[in-house]
Structure formats: C-alpha cells, structure tokens
Amino acid sequence: MAARRTALITGGGRNIGRACVLGLAEDGFNVVVNGSSDHAACEKVAGEAARFGVETLVIMGDVGRPEDCKRIADEAIAKFGAIDALLNNAALRPNKPFLETTEAEWRRVISVDLDAAVWLARACLPGMVQKGWGRIVNFAGMNAIHGHAGRAPVSVAKHGVWGLTKALAMEFGPKNITVNTISPGPIAPDIEERNASAQARAQSISRVPLGRMGRPVEVAAAARLLVSEAGGYINGQMIQVNGGGAT
C-alpha cells in the first residue's frame, strides 16, 4: 500500500482553511494544520480530520515571519518525511486608506499575504522535487483581479501571489509539480462578511449571478481537485470560485 501523502494548510483553523483540512483528510491526506493564534480551533479541526483515519499535526506559527515558516515546514517534514501538497491560505485583509497605511502595516500585509507563500514554497519544494510529485495551491480573490479601494497592500500582495503561481508553474512543471491559484468570491461564514453591514452583504451578493454567497466547502472542492491525481494536468491557472460573479 502506498504511503499517504501529506498536506500543509496555513490558516487551517477556520472557514476555507478548515474546509480544506477536512476535505483533504477525507481524500486520504495526512494533514498539518497551521494557525497563528487560535490553538484550540486548530486542535478541534485536527480532531475532526483524524476521524477519517489519517494522521494529523498542529503547528502554530506566524507565517508572516520567515523563521516561523521554516520551523513549521521543518516540523512537518520531520514527522511525515515531506510535504506533498502546500495550501497557502492564511491572509490578512485590513481595510484602511492608502495614505493612512503605515510602512509597518504595509510590510506586515505583504509578509503574510505574499512572502509566506514564497518562504513556504522554498521550504517544501525540495522534497517535492526529490519525490517527483507535488502540488501548491495559493489563494487570491478579488484583490488579485480588480484591486480594492482601501486594500492597496492586499491587492499588491495578491497580484504578487498570482505572478508567483505562474512563474513556479513554469519552473517546476517539468518536475511533475503543479502550482495554481484559487480566487474565491464572497464566502460565508467569513468573519468579515458576518461583521459587514446588511447593505455590504447585499451589494456583494448582487454581483453574483447565483444570488448567494459561497460556502467554504465549495472553495475546498476546487483545492481537492487541484491536489488530486485527476487534477494533475491543471497547472499555472487561476480557478475562480465565485458563482459567476466579478471577484
């Protein structure tokens, strides 16, 4: 029997990250759940994933710090031998006018939303290359397509993630490693959406032909395809999970 593959999901304690953890566990992946602060939530998700008969590992750490990214990857690789699928889901999405954004605030968003994908890819890719198989899934959204007033650093970071995806897909495709981006539309129960006004929610939904917000499990379904054997010919793409709307 072939050894189980292992997936590392950042921001795995809630919403889309949680759905990805559970979906990949159901598909037979061992899962490494990363979170930055809510250890109890990550442990709860890991416990739910273990019910599928896979091994789980919770590693807390701030992916906005390169040393934490290295430690997270090192601990996961020490337990499982390699990371076969990397899902860079963790992100910050502050809303603040451009002229009021401090240098420290700018750097913080870039470090979590873009640099973390670079640092974790650098840590996980050698093992993927050695095994001749790997999957990297990055996450973007409307900020990687249209930009967003009040979210200049997020837009810059997510455009960067999309560029990173295309570059790595070209470089590592010959090694049987695929790199793709998922771009979700309005997703419930996202904390931002729960805290948004009814008017803001209605405005988001008005741009979606399906007339509703998406669910984390629907985004996770795209991730499950991209890391599967069946998804092995999908490379360098941005998959929009948005109900047909303009994300």
Protein backbone atom coordinates (compact mmCIF):
# COMPACT_ATOMS: atom_id res chain seq x y z
CA MET A 1 0.00 0.00 0.00
CA ALA A 2 1.40 3.38 -0.99
CA ALA A 3 2.27 5.78 1.79
CA ARG A 4 -0.21 8.52 2.45
CA ARG A 5 0.57 11.93 1.09
CA THR A 6 0.73 14.92 3.41
CA ALA A 7 -0.81 18.37 3.03
CA LEU A 8 0.10 21.54 4.92
CA ILE A 9 -2.71 24.08 5.17
CA THR A 10 -1.99 27.53 6.61
CA GLY A 11 -4.83 29.35 8.29
CA GLY A 12 -6.38 25.92 8.80
CA GLY A 13 -8.41 26.64 11.91
CA ARG A 14 -11.49 28.18 10.36
CA ASN A 15 -13.53 28.89 7.26
CA ILE A 16 -11.84 27.99 3.94
CA GLY A 17 -8.74 26.61 5.65
CA ARG A 18 -10.81 24.35 7.88
CA ALA A 19 -12.84 23.10 4.91
CA CYS A 20 -9.61 22.30 3.05
CA VAL A 21 -8.20 20.40 6.03
CA LEU A 22 -11.32 18.25 6.31
CA GLY A 23 -11.67 17.76 2.57
CA LEU A 24 -8.09 16.61 2.11
CA ALA A 25 -8.31 14.35 5.14
CA GLU A 26 -11.41 12.76 3.61
CA ASP A 27 -9.35 12.24 0.44
CA GLY A 28 -6.71 10.37 2.45
CA PHE A 29 -4.08 13.04 3.04
CA ASN A 30 -2.33 13.35 6.36
CA VAL A 31 -2.88 16.98 7.32
CA VAL A 32 -0.73 19.60 9.01
CA VAL A 33 -2.93 22.35 10.44
CA ASN A 34 -1.28 25.73 10.89
CA GLY A 35 -2.73 28.71 12.69
CA SER A 36 -1.26 31.84 14.20
CA SER A 37 -3.19 32.30 17.45
CA ASP A 38 -6.29 30.12 17.97
CA HIS A 39 -4.68 26.87 19.07
CA ALA A 40 -7.97 25.42 20.31
CA ALA A 41 -9.60 25.90 16.90
CA CYS A 42 -6.70 24.19 15.12
CA GLU A 43 -6.77 21.27 17.54
CA LYS A 44 -10.52 20.92 17.04
CA VAL A 45 -10.14 20.80 13.25
CA ALA A 46 -7.30 18.28 13.56
CA GLY A 47 -9.52 16.11 15.74
CA GLU A 48 -12.29 16.25 13.15
CA ALA A 49 -9.81 15.34 10.41
CA ALA A 50 -8.46 12.36 12.38
CA ARG A 51 -11.89 10.74 12.15
CA PHE A 52 -11.07 9.97 8.51
CA GLY A 53 -8.25 7.70 9.68
CA VAL A 54 -5.37 9.99 8.75
CA GLU A 55 -2.55 11.36 10.86
CA THR A 56 -2.72 14.99 11.90
CA LEU A 57 -0.32 17.55 13.28
CA VAL A 58 -1.00 21.05 14.59
CA ILE A 59 1.84 23.54 14.26
CA MET A 60 1.18 27.05 15.45
CA GLY A 61 3.23 29.87 13.97
CA ASP A 62 3.11 33.24 12.29
CA VAL A 63 3.65 32.70 8.57
CA GLY A 64 4.49 36.39 8.27
CA ARG A 65 7.85 35.53 9.87
CA PRO A 66 10.36 33.62 7.71
CA GLU A 67 11.77 31.83 10.74
CA ASP A 68 8.31 30.56 11.64
CA CYS A 69 7.73 29.35 8.09
CA LYS A 70 10.96 27.38 8.23
CA ARG A 71 10.08 25.92 11.62
CA ILE A 72 6.58 24.94 10.50
CA ALA A 73 7.92 23.19 7.42
CA ASP A 74 10.80 21.56 9.31
CA GLU A 75 8.48 20.14 11.99
CA ALA A 76 6.04 18.83 9.40
CA ILE A 77 8.78 17.25 7.30
CA ALA A 78 10.39 15.72 10.40
CA LYS A 79 7.12 13.91 11.17
CA PHE A 80 5.93 12.98 7.69
CA GLY A 81 9.09 12.97 5.56
CA ALA A 82 7.87 15.57 3.09
CA ILE A 83 5.06 17.96 2.33
CA ASP A 84 3.32 16.78 -0.84
CA ALA A 85 0.66 19.50 -1.03
CA LEU A 86 1.06 23.06 0.24
CA LEU A 87 -2.03 25.25 0.56
CA ASN A 88 -1.12 28.88 1.26
CA ASN A 89 -4.45 30.00 2.68
CA ALA A 90 -3.53 32.32 5.58
CA ALA A 91 -4.01 36.01 4.83
CA LEU A 92 -4.62 39.44 6.29
CA ARG A 93 -7.19 41.73 4.69
CA PRO A 94 -7.20 45.04 6.55
CA ASN A 95 -9.26 47.88 5.15
CA LYS A 96 -7.51 51.21 5.53
CA PRO A 97 -6.99 54.22 3.23
CA PHE A 98 -3.73 54.08 1.31
CA LEU A 99 -2.44 57.43 2.61
CA GLU A 100 -3.10 56.35 6.20
CA THR A 101 -1.33 52.99 5.90
CA THR A 102 1.99 52.99 7.75
CA GLU A 103 5.13 51.34 6.43
CA ALA A 104 4.90 48.72 9.19
CA GLU A 105 1.28 47.94 8.28
CA TRP A 106 2.21 47.67 4.61
CA ARG A 107 5.12 45.33 5.32
CA ARG A 108 3.01 43.18 7.61
CA VAL A 109 0.36 42.51 4.95
CA ILE A 110 2.98 41.79 2.29
CA SER A 111 4.77 39.38 4.61
CA VAL A 112 1.66 37.32 5.40
CA ASP A 113 -0.17 37.54 2.08
CA LEU A 114 2.79 37.17 -0.31
CA ASP A 115 6.12 36.46 1.34
CA ALA A 116 4.77 33.50 3.30
CA ALA A 117 3.89 31.76 0.03
CA VAL A 118 7.48 32.28 -1.10
CA TRP A 119 9.08 31.08 2.13
CA LEU A 120 6.87 28.00 2.45
CA ALA A 121 7.31 27.07 -1.20
CA ARG A 122 11.08 27.28 -0.79
CA ALA A 123 10.85 25.00 2.25
CA CYS A 124 8.53 22.42 0.69
CA LEU A 125 9.68 22.30 -2.93
CA PRO A 126 12.95 20.38 -2.39
CA GLY A 127 11.01 17.40 -1.03
CA MET A 128 8.52 17.62 -3.87
CA VAL A 129 11.34 17.69 -6.41
CA GLN A 130 13.00 14.70 -4.77
CA LYS A 131 9.76 12.69 -4.89
CA GLY A 132 8.86 13.84 -8.39
CA TRP A 133 5.36 14.89 -7.30
CA GLY A 134 3.90 17.95 -5.66
CA ARG A 135 1.03 20.40 -5.50
CA ILE A 136 1.00 24.04 -4.43
CA VAL A 137 -2.29 25.92 -4.15
CA ASN A 138 -2.24 29.65 -3.47
CA PHE A 139 -5.28 31.76 -2.64
CA ALA A 140 -6.12 35.15 -4.09
CA GLY A 141 -9.58 36.68 -4.65
CA MET A 142 -10.90 39.94 -6.00
CA ASN A 143 -7.72 41.64 -4.85
CA ALA A 144 -5.70 39.73 -7.45
CA ILE A 145 -8.00 40.68 -10.30
CA HIS A 146 -9.57 44.11 -9.87
CA GLY A 147 -7.89 45.76 -6.92
CA HIS A 148 -9.86 47.11 -3.99
CA ALA A 149 -10.11 50.61 -2.57
CA GLY A 150 -8.74 50.64 0.95
CA ARG A 151 -6.78 47.46 0.45
CA ALA A 152 -3.76 48.53 -1.56
CA PRO A 153 -1.25 46.25 0.23
CA VAL A 154 -3.62 43.28 -0.08
CA SER A 155 -4.10 43.94 -3.80
CA VAL A 156 -0.35 44.23 -4.34
CA ALA A 157 0.30 41.02 -2.39
CA LYS A 158 -2.39 39.01 -4.17
CA HIS A 159 -1.24 40.20 -7.60
CA GLY A 160 2.19 39.02 -6.49
CA VAL A 161 0.82 35.62 -5.49
CA TRP A 162 -0.69 35.23 -8.95
CA GLY A 163 2.65 36.13 -10.54
CA LEU A 164 4.45 33.69 -8.24
CA THR A 165 1.98 30.97 -9.22
CA LYS A 166 2.64 31.41 -12.93
CA ALA A 167 6.42 31.55 -12.50
CA LEU A 168 6.63 28.46 -10.30
CA ALA A 169 4.23 26.55 -12.55
CA MET A 170 6.61 27.09 -15.44
CA GLU A 171 9.75 26.28 -13.46
CA PHE A 172 8.54 23.21 -11.60
CA GLY A 173 6.02 21.75 -14.03
CA PRO A 174 8.79 19.64 -15.59
CA LYS A 175 9.30 18.11 -12.13
CA ASN A 176 5.66 16.95 -12.02
CA ILE A 177 4.78 19.72 -9.57
CA THR A 178 1.72 21.86 -10.27
CA VAL A 179 1.14 25.35 -8.91
CA ASN A 180 -2.26 27.02 -9.12
CA THR A 181 -4.28 29.81 -7.52
CA ILE A 182 -7.85 29.73 -6.26
CA SER A 183 -9.76 33.01 -6.34
CA PRO A 184 -12.84 32.85 -4.10
CA GLY A 185 -15.77 35.22 -4.38
CA PRO A 186 -17.88 36.26 -1.37
CA ILE A 187 -17.78 33.32 1.02
CA ALA A 188 -19.83 32.75 4.19
CA PRO A 189 -19.28 32.38 7.10
CA ASP A 190 -16.27 34.60 6.63
CA ILE A 191 -15.77 36.79 9.70
CA GLU A 192 -15.53 39.87 7.54
CA GLU A 193 -18.86 39.09 5.95
CA ARG A 194 -20.51 38.32 9.29
CA ASN A 195 -19.36 41.67 10.61
CA ALA A 196 -20.28 43.55 7.44
CA SER A 197 -23.43 45.55 7.23
CA ALA A 198 -26.53 44.11 5.60
CA GLN A 199 -26.06 46.65 2.83
CA ALA A 200 -22.49 45.49 2.19
CA ARG A 201 -23.56 41.85 2.10
CA ALA A 202 -26.38 42.63 -0.27
CA GLN A 203 -24.00 44.53 -2.53
CA SER A 204 -21.61 41.57 -2.62
CA ILE A 205 -24.41 39.15 -3.44
CA SER A 206 -25.82 41.46 -6.12
CA ARG A 207 -22.69 40.87 -8.19
CA VAL A 208 -23.09 37.08 -8.06
CA PRO A 209 -25.37 35.54 -10.72
CA LEU A 210 -26.20 32.64 -8.40
CA GLY A 211 -27.65 35.17 -5.96
CA ARG A 212 -25.92 33.89 -2.85
CA MET A 213 -22.62 33.74 -1.05
CA GLY A 214 -20.42 30.71 -1.46
CA ARG A 215 -19.55 28.17 1.21
CA PRO A 216 -16.05 27.23 2.37
CA VAL A 217 -16.67 23.63 1.28
CA GLU A 218 -17.22 24.85 -2.28
CA VAL A 219 -13.80 26.50 -2.31
CA ALA A 220 -12.27 23.41 -0.76
CA ALA A 221 -13.75 21.33 -3.58
CA ALA A 222 -11.52 23.22 -6.03
CA ALA A 223 -8.50 22.68 -3.82
CA ARG A 224 -9.26 18.96 -3.58
CA LEU A 225 -9.29 18.72 -7.36
CA LEU A 226 -6.05 20.66 -7.76
CA VAL A 227 -4.12 18.42 -5.36
CA SER A 228 -5.57 15.18 -6.73
CA GLU A 229 -4.15 12.86 -9.34
CA ALA A 230 -7.11 13.76 -11.55
CA GLY A 231 -6.11 17.42 -11.36
CA GLY A 232 -2.53 16.76 -12.41
CA TYR A 233 -2.87 18.47 -15.81
CA ILE A 234 -4.09 21.75 -14.32
CA ASN A 235 -1.06 23.98 -13.89
CA GLY A 236 -0.42 27.73 -13.74
CA GLN A 237 -4.13 28.54 -13.57
CA MET A 238 -6.36 30.78 -11.52
CA ILE A 239 -9.57 28.94 -10.65
CA GLN A 240 -12.35 31.36 -9.78
CA VAL A 241 -14.90 30.01 -7.30
CA ASN A 242 -17.29 32.93 -7.32
CA GLY A 243 -20.74 31.91 -8.52
CA GLY A 244 -20.04 33.56 -11.87
CA GLY A 245 -19.55 36.99 -10.35
CA ALA A 246 -16.75 39.51 -10.70
CA THR A 247 -14.44 38.76 -7.78
